[in-house]
Amino acid sequence: MHLTTEEKIELGLKQQGTINPAFGGINGDEPPQLTVEIGDPHLEEETAVDKSADLVYSLDDRPPWYLCILLGFQHYILAFGGIIAIPLILAEPLCIQDNNIAKSQLICTIFFVSGLCTLLQTTFGCRLPVLQGGTFSFITPTLAILALPKWQCPAPKVPVLLSMQAHNDTSPLQGESSDEVWMSRMREIQGAILVASLLQIFLGLSGLVGLVLRFIGPLAIAPTINLIGLSLFIEAGKKSGGHWGIAALTVCLILLFSQYLSKVDVPMITYKDKKWKVFQYPLFKLFSALFGMCGAWLICFLLTAFDVFPSKSSEYGFSARTDISLDAVVNSPWFHVPYPGQWGMPTVSVSSVLGMMAGVLASTMESIGDYYACARLSGAPPPPTHAINRGIAVEGIGCILAGLWGTGNGTTSYSQNIAALGITKVGSRLVIQTTGILMIVLGIFGKFGAVFITIPDPVIGGMFLVMFGMIAAVGISNLQYVDLNSSRNLLILGFSTFSGLVLPSWFQSNPGIIDTGTKELDQVIVVLFTTHMFIGGFFGFVLDNTIPGTEKERGIKSWQEKVQEGSKNTCDQSCYDIPFCNGVLKRFRCFRYLPFLPSYGKTQQGASN
């Protein structure tokens, strides 16, 4: 195998004993040590396939409990930004922007359900170390639903007191009538997610995922994911507009840690074998979003303590104060155990369900690519068809759990946590299961969720600017597989993306223009045509499959080959088997016809072997 100069230097240092293997060795009975170097996390992209060869822990390995907790908490921190962003985005359309208690309960609920779904996926789903959390694919249809006239937030009857003297008092809008206002909206979103998620379960259990993938290529995926990020620019602007200086500071800090300092390994000290040891750790690369947000949060706290920011809500910069929402921390209970139906019985309407289905399909396509990437980085063979089908079905079940508990969102796999597997060289399933347990435990602490309410809006807005921009860029990155010199492809891409921006904007500006004589049909049309990614994905899918073009030109073949790129097998296909079920599945022939079971398609002789 050809080695670069950088790799040769690293190999020579390891042979001389200068660099220890990451987290110690795994041979013999000696427990792995923490006094280690992660190794070089900046290898060239072409060596990604070979990363599984030097894994410290592969898929089925079981690290010691203390290492599981440490690495599990790291994954929790990596997913933190994406998960907490969702309830903060939904706060305004749900009419709880000033109801800090409700926001803290929503944060606790989404962390709790994300932990449950992570345990389900890693144990009974695709069984890969895939962390589950809230998805931005559901945000766009949710905002379209809540933008309907009947879900507009009512004008408050009593002015909300935002002066500094009212911090420790309960807001006059925190009463029962105020709760019913936002809970009725939440129940509508719950019902839409519950019914729309049945489509994802059906796609998984029936095996139609593989059939659908044959007709979906980069020109349908790119505008869909791109518009998820682009359509949320208004939310980022609202938050950042509270104080553009603080928002810019947050962006600069995130860029500093994630880009400029990403190759800087921080020396850290640990005590092992009765002596202190120093090891290098890519701290900035792993926790860039957390450091950036916390750094800006700390500066806002200091500027608030020295009374630099104005104390009147009517003055510019007031939203950057950190003491606006202290009542959420004071009034929130220490423990809040989320439970199904805590906001009431979900309601179902046709328009909401059809709009949410667009989010379900986008989330499904995103997760399939994540499964292949996760298998490659965790030392597993490429996931077989039954594992993909089962993973998608379990994601649908996770979305149903999210709908029952009332997170206002669904669940999907988190790509940033999958990327972390390649950096830490730890692909153990047990580590991600530990993360799920941590999310459940921390989701029960009410005050823990309330602390995050005190993050100033401009800090959140700065994080949104980076995060939503990355989502849009991920969509664009799918175009690397298509021929961008083809006028056919440029037409499909341009028309799909532009229509996904123009049509929703026009329908939002003309809310009463649709009048078919049937109220329900009017709502269906409005929700679908105000969902950006539905418009972009629909036109991209139809045009790409109807306008003549070669497979090479469309990029479908190269895209699928890249997504399904194999890895060195450090475990056989048995790592995808459902635990405790092998004996039953081999005994009965009927299980060979179910596309989500390991016995699918196997002959009787193959099953017995």
Foldseek 3Di string as FASTA:
>chain_A
DDDDPVVVVQVVCVVVVNFADFQHADPDPDAGHRQHALGQLDDDPVCLQVLLVRFRAFAADDHDPVVLLVLLVLLLLLCVLVQLLVLVLCCVLLVNLVVLQVSLLLSLLQLQLQLVLQLCCCFFALVFLFRKGFDLLQVLLLVLLSLAPVNGQDDDPDDWDQFPVCLQPDTPLNDDVNLLSSLLSLLQLLQLLQVLLVVLLCCLFVLCVVVVLVLDALLLLLLLLLCSLVVCVVVLCVLQQLDVVLLVQLLVQLCCLQPVCQRPWDWDWDADPNDIHIYTHSVSNSNSNVCSLVVSQVVLAVCVVVPVADRDPVDRNNLSHLSSNVNNLVPWDQFDQQDFQPSHNHDYAPQSNVLSNSSLVSQLVVQLLLQLLSCSLSQAWQRDSLSSSRSSSSQSVSSNVCSRRRSSGGMHTDNSSSSVSSSSSHRYSSSSSSSSVVSSVCSGGSSSSSSVSSRGSSSSSSSSVVVSVVSSVVSVVSCVLADPVDPLSVVLNVVLNVQLVPQLVVCSVVVPPDCPPDPSVSSNVSSQRNRSSNSSSVSSSVSLNPPDDDCSNSRSVVSVCVSNPTHNHPDYNCSSANPPCLVVCLVDPVNCCGSNHPNPPPDNVRSVD
